[in-house]
Amino acid sequence: MNNPYKAPQAILQDLTYQPLPTALKTLYWLMGLAFSCSFISTTIGFVNVVKEASWIFMLPWTQQLMLLGLAGSGYALLFAFYYFLVFRPLQLRKHTTSRWWLIAVLILALLWLWFVLLPEGNPQVESSMIDVFLAAAEIGLLLLGGLLAAQPTAIKHLPN
């Protein structure tokens, strides 16, 4: 039976598809690992704050909701940081990807110095070894990615 509404038998192929070059795959992996380190470190920090401050659970629900919004804004800042300084230049294949990644490393190093070296009125809170390791790994991965993005093998795939 010939059905005029039958779907065509042709196989569609995307002629614009180009596989991702290996040099850029490495950069995407480094970016993903750095973001994972940052996300895990932020989550550990929020969990430690909630464990130490048991008074949070005694607050009215509106203030708890406000603290939850504050934690959400921390994650939003993390996502915005990685999107605009790390992912977006690589996605657009900008020639200045290396410079953007090294700017991200500089910002992270300055934030680390701000929180570690500046004296404050509160007693020093000791960070766990995992937090220090994740922060160092994040900065190291972004630094390595920035240096690899400046190599000729990556630059030829970053024409913009």
C-alpha atoms as a PDB file:
ATOM      1  CA  MET A   1       0.000   0.000   0.000  1.00  0.00           C
ATOM      2  CA  ASN A   2       1.517   3.348  -1.015  1.00  0.00           C
ATOM      3  CA  ASN A   3       0.992   5.891   1.726  1.00  0.00           C
ATOM      4  CA  PRO A   4       1.615   9.463   0.525  1.00  0.00           C
ATOM      5  CA  TYR A   5       2.202  10.564   4.133  1.00  0.00           C
ATOM      6  CA  LYS A   6       5.019   8.120   4.777  1.00  0.00           C
ATOM      7  CA  ALA A   7       8.303   9.566   6.098  1.00  0.00           C
ATOM      8  CA  PRO A   8      11.141   9.759   3.569  1.00  0.00           C
ATOM      9  CA  GLN A   9      13.748   7.003   3.681  1.00  0.00           C
ATOM     10  CA  ALA A  10      16.730   9.309   3.203  1.00  0.00           C
ATOM     11  CA  ILE A  11      19.357   9.604   5.919  1.00  0.00           C
ATOM     12  CA  LEU A  12      20.106  13.183   6.859  1.00  0.00           C
ATOM     13  CA  GLN A  13      23.688  14.156   7.506  1.00  0.00           C
ATOM     14  CA  ASP A  14      24.990  17.378   8.973  1.00  0.00           C
ATOM     15  CA  LEU A  15      27.512  18.607   6.445  1.00  0.00           C
ATOM     16  CA  THR A  16      28.711  21.387   8.741  1.00  0.00           C
ATOM     17  CA  TYR A  17      29.854  18.968  11.480  1.00  0.00           C
ATOM     18  CA  GLN A  18      33.539  19.107  12.249  1.00  0.00           C
ATOM     19  CA  PRO A  19      34.974  16.998  15.050  1.00  0.00           C
ATOM     20  CA  LEU A  20      36.566  18.854  17.938  1.00  0.00           C
ATOM     21  CA  PRO A  21      40.366  18.950  17.564  1.00  0.00           C
ATOM     22  CA  THR A  22      42.396  17.143  20.207  1.00  0.00           C
ATOM     23  CA  ALA A  23      44.109  20.332  21.355  1.00  0.00           C
ATOM     24  CA  LEU A  24      40.711  21.845  22.174  1.00  0.00           C
ATOM     25  CA  LYS A  25      39.433  18.621  23.774  1.00  0.00           C
ATOM     26  CA  THR A  26      42.271  18.927  26.277  1.00  0.00           C
ATOM     27  CA  LEU A  27      41.254  22.514  27.037  1.00  0.00           C
ATOM     28  CA  TYR A  28      37.615  21.496  27.538  1.00  0.00           C
ATOM     29  CA  TRP A  29      38.704  18.708  29.913  1.00  0.00           C
ATOM     30  CA  LEU A  30      40.912  21.087  31.901  1.00  0.00           C
ATOM     31  CA  MET A  31      38.069  23.606  32.080  1.00  0.00           C
ATOM     32  CA  GLY A  32      35.643  20.929  33.288  1.00  0.00           C
ATOM     33  CA  LEU A  33      38.041  19.671  35.937  1.00  0.00           C
ATOM     34  CA  ALA A  34      38.730  23.203  37.183  1.00  0.00           C
ATOM     35  CA  PHE A  35      35.013  23.929  37.389  1.00  0.00           C
ATOM     36  CA  SER A  36      34.421  20.646  39.233  1.00  0.00           C
ATOM     37  CA  CYS A  37      37.129  21.523  41.768  1.00  0.00           C
ATOM     38  CA  SER A  38      35.555  24.925  42.334  1.00  0.00           C
ATOM     39  CA  PHE A  39      32.020  23.521  42.642  1.00  0.00           C
ATOM     40  CA  ILE A  40      33.074  20.830  45.115  1.00  0.00           C
ATOM     41  CA  SER A  41      35.112  23.328  47.163  1.00  0.00           C
ATOM     42  CA  THR A  42      32.174  25.744  47.323  1.00  0.00           C
ATOM     43  CA  THR A  43      29.811  22.963  48.374  1.00  0.00           C
ATOM     44  CA  ILE A  44      32.208  21.809  51.101  1.00  0.00           C
ATOM     45  CA  GLY A  45      32.469  25.405  52.316  1.00  0.00           C
ATOM     46  CA  PHE A  46      28.693  25.800  52.519  1.00  0.00           C
ATOM     47  CA  VAL A  47      28.332  22.470  54.350  1.00  0.00           C
ATOM     48  CA  ASN A  48      31.034  23.474  56.853  1.00  0.00           C
ATOM     49  CA  VAL A  49      29.321  26.809  57.495  1.00  0.00           C
ATOM     50  CA  VAL A  50      25.990  25.103  58.139  1.00  0.00           C
ATOM     51  CA  LYS A  51      27.632  22.544  60.459  1.00  0.00           C
ATOM     52  CA  GLU A  52      29.412  25.245  62.476  1.00  0.00           C
ATOM     53  CA  ALA A  53      26.454  27.638  62.674  1.00  0.00           C
ATOM     54  CA  SER A  54      23.709  25.566  64.245  1.00  0.00           C
ATOM     55  CA  TRP A  55      21.755  28.770  64.961  1.00  0.00           C
ATOM     56  CA  ILE A  56      20.764  28.858  61.272  1.00  0.00           C
ATOM     57  CA  PHE A  57      18.095  26.230  61.955  1.00  0.00           C
ATOM     58  CA  MET A  58      16.553  28.390  64.690  1.00  0.00           C
ATOM     59  CA  LEU A  59      15.916  31.314  62.345  1.00  0.00           C
ATOM     60  CA  PRO A  60      12.448  31.974  60.935  1.00  0.00           C
ATOM     61  CA  TRP A  61      11.800  30.412  57.536  1.00  0.00           C
ATOM     62  CA  THR A  62      12.021  33.773  55.756  1.00  0.00           C
ATOM     63  CA  GLN A  63      15.568  34.343  56.986  1.00  0.00           C
ATOM     64  CA  GLN A  64      16.489  30.743  56.163  1.00  0.00           C
ATOM     65  CA  LEU A  65      15.147  31.341  52.671  1.00  0.00           C
ATOM     66  CA  MET A  66      17.262  34.488  52.435  1.00  0.00           C
ATOM     67  CA  LEU A  67      20.367  32.510  53.453  1.00  0.00           C
ATOM     68  CA  LEU A  68      19.477  29.891  50.854  1.00  0.00           C
ATOM     69  CA  GLY A  69      19.233  32.680  48.279  1.00  0.00           C
ATOM     70  CA  LEU A  70      22.661  33.896  49.392  1.00  0.00           C
ATOM     71  CA  ALA A  71      24.085  30.413  48.823  1.00  0.00           C
ATOM     72  CA  GLY A  72      22.353  30.299  45.421  1.00  0.00           C
ATOM     73  CA  SER A  73      23.882  33.642  44.499  1.00  0.00           C
ATOM     74  CA  GLY A  74      27.303  32.232  45.416  1.00  0.00           C
ATOM     75  CA  TYR A  75      26.768  29.408  42.932  1.00  0.00           C
ATOM     76  CA  ALA A  76      25.453  31.877  40.342  1.00  0.00           C
ATOM     77  CA  LEU A  77      28.627  33.944  40.756  1.00  0.00           C
ATOM     78  CA  LEU A  78      30.689  30.788  40.293  1.00  0.00           C
ATOM     79  CA  PHE A  79      28.791  29.869  37.104  1.00  0.00           C
ATOM     80  CA  ALA A  80      29.074  33.427  35.741  1.00  0.00           C
ATOM     81  CA  PHE A  81      32.814  33.517  36.489  1.00  0.00           C
ATOM     82  CA  TYR A  82      33.471  30.292  34.637  1.00  0.00           C
ATOM     83  CA  TYR A  83      31.073  31.068  31.805  1.00  0.00           C
ATOM     84  CA  PHE A  84      32.413  34.510  30.910  1.00  0.00           C
ATOM     85  CA  LEU A  85      36.123  34.056  31.672  1.00  0.00           C
ATOM     86  CA  VAL A  86      36.697  30.416  30.770  1.00  0.00           C
ATOM     87  CA  PHE A  87      33.971  28.747  28.715  1.00  0.00           C
ATOM     88  CA  ARG A  88      32.801  31.602  26.484  1.00  0.00           C
ATOM     89  CA  PRO A  89      36.223  32.509  24.990  1.00  0.00           C
ATOM     90  CA  LEU A  90      36.870  28.822  24.273  1.00  0.00           C
ATOM     91  CA  GLN A  91      33.405  28.254  22.800  1.00  0.00           C
ATOM     92  CA  LEU A  92      33.766  31.266  20.507  1.00  0.00           C
ATOM     93  CA  ARG A  93      37.264  30.020  19.693  1.00  0.00           C
ATOM     94  CA  LYS A  94      38.785  33.361  20.482  1.00  0.00           C
ATOM     95  CA  HIS A  95      42.478  33.806  19.902  1.00  0.00           C
ATOM     96  CA  THR A  96      42.683  35.486  23.326  1.00  0.00           C
ATOM     97  CA  THR A  97      41.431  32.400  25.220  1.00  0.00           C
ATOM     98  CA  SER A  98      44.826  32.027  26.882  1.00  0.00           C
ATOM     99  CA  ARG A  99      44.732  35.624  28.113  1.00  0.00           C
ATOM    100  CA  TRP A 100      41.203  35.216  29.522  1.00  0.00           C
ATOM    101  CA  TRP A 101      42.169  32.018  31.354  1.00  0.00           C
ATOM    102  CA  LEU A 102      45.253  33.656  32.844  1.00  0.00           C
ATOM    103  CA  ILE A 103      43.090  36.609  33.968  1.00  0.00           C
ATOM    104  CA  ALA A 104      40.836  34.066  35.706  1.00  0.00           C
ATOM    105  CA  VAL A 105      43.900  32.606  37.453  1.00  0.00           C
ATOM    106  CA  LEU A 106      44.953  36.091  38.553  1.00  0.00           C
ATOM    107  CA  ILE A 107      41.480  36.820  39.966  1.00  0.00           C
ATOM    108  CA  LEU A 108      41.403  33.486  41.820  1.00  0.00           C
ATOM    109  CA  ALA A 109      44.891  34.045  43.242  1.00  0.00           C
ATOM    110  CA  LEU A 110      43.958  37.551  44.415  1.00  0.00           C
ATOM    111  CA  LEU A 111      40.773  36.223  46.061  1.00  0.00           C
ATOM    112  CA  TRP A 112      42.793  33.518  47.773  1.00  0.00           C
ATOM    113  CA  LEU A 113      45.276  36.101  49.057  1.00  0.00           C
ATOM    114  CA  TRP A 114      42.392  38.308  50.203  1.00  0.00           C
ATOM    115  CA  PHE A 115      40.849  35.565  52.333  1.00  0.00           C
ATOM    116  CA  VAL A 116      44.051  33.994  53.622  1.00  0.00           C
ATOM    117  CA  LEU A 117      46.445  36.850  54.300  1.00  0.00           C
ATOM    118  CA  LEU A 118      44.273  39.752  55.413  1.00  0.00           C
ATOM    119  CA  PRO A 119      43.725  39.833  59.176  1.00  0.00           C
ATOM    120  CA  GLU A 120      40.187  39.953  60.403  1.00  0.00           C
ATOM    121  CA  GLY A 121      38.430  40.370  63.723  1.00  0.00           C
ATOM    122  CA  ASN A 122      37.153  36.793  63.815  1.00  0.00           C
ATOM    123  CA  PRO A 123      39.433  33.940  64.827  1.00  0.00           C
ATOM    124  CA  GLN A 124      41.021  32.177  61.890  1.00  0.00           C
ATOM    125  CA  VAL A 125      38.968  29.298  60.573  1.00  0.00           C
ATOM    126  CA  GLU A 126      41.199  26.455  59.548  1.00  0.00           C
ATOM    127  CA  SER A 127      40.541  25.067  56.101  1.00  0.00           C
ATOM    128  CA  SER A 128      40.577  21.378  55.552  1.00  0.00           C
ATOM    129  CA  MET A 129      43.296  19.785  53.454  1.00  0.00           C
ATOM    130  CA  ILE A 130      40.768  18.885  50.771  1.00  0.00           C
ATOM    131  CA  ASP A 131      39.749  22.546  50.434  1.00  0.00           C
ATOM    132  CA  VAL A 132      43.355  23.649  50.033  1.00  0.00           C
ATOM    133  CA  PHE A 133      44.006  20.844  47.541  1.00  0.00           C
ATOM    134  CA  LEU A 134      40.901  21.696  45.480  1.00  0.00           C
ATOM    135  CA  ALA A 135      41.785  25.401  45.394  1.00  0.00           C
ATOM    136  CA  ALA A 136      45.353  24.647  44.318  1.00  0.00           C
ATOM    137  CA  ALA A 137      44.128  22.144  41.722  1.00  0.00           C
ATOM    138  CA  GLU A 138      41.653  24.662  40.311  1.00  0.00           C
ATOM    139  CA  ILE A 139      44.305  27.362  39.932  1.00  0.00           C
ATOM    140  CA  GLY A 140      46.798  24.835  38.565  1.00  0.00           C
ATOM    141  CA  LEU A 141      44.356  23.456  35.978  1.00  0.00           C
ATOM    142  CA  LEU A 142      43.398  26.919  34.758  1.00  0.00           C
ATOM    143  CA  LEU A 143      47.053  27.958  34.605  1.00  0.00           C
ATOM    144  CA  LEU A 144      47.915  24.829  32.629  1.00  0.00           C
ATOM    145  CA  GLY A 145      44.956  25.448  30.320  1.00  0.00           C
ATOM    146  CA  GLY A 146      46.016  29.046  29.785  1.00  0.00           C
ATOM    147  CA  LEU A 147      49.529  27.947  28.888  1.00  0.00           C
ATOM    148  CA  LEU A 148      48.276  25.172  26.577  1.00  0.00           C
ATOM    149  CA  ALA A 149      45.876  27.602  24.858  1.00  0.00           C
ATOM    150  CA  ALA A 150      48.900  29.714  23.925  1.00  0.00           C
ATOM    151  CA  GLN A 151      50.609  26.791  22.164  1.00  0.00           C
ATOM    152  CA  PRO A 152      50.667  26.765  18.327  1.00  0.00           C
ATOM    153  CA  THR A 153      48.615  23.527  18.180  1.00  0.00           C
ATOM    154  CA  ALA A 154      45.722  25.238  19.959  1.00  0.00           C
ATOM    155  CA  ILE A 155      46.147  28.663  18.345  1.00  0.00           C
ATOM    156  CA  LYS A 156      45.575  27.254  14.855  1.00  0.00           C
ATOM    157  CA  HIS A 157      42.124  26.098  16.022  1.00  0.00           C
ATOM    158  CA  LEU A 158      41.357  29.460  17.683  1.00  0.00           C
ATOM    159  CA  PRO A 159      41.135  31.750  14.640  1.00  0.00           C
ATOM    160  CA  ASN A 160      38.830  34.458  16.015  1.00  0.00           C
END
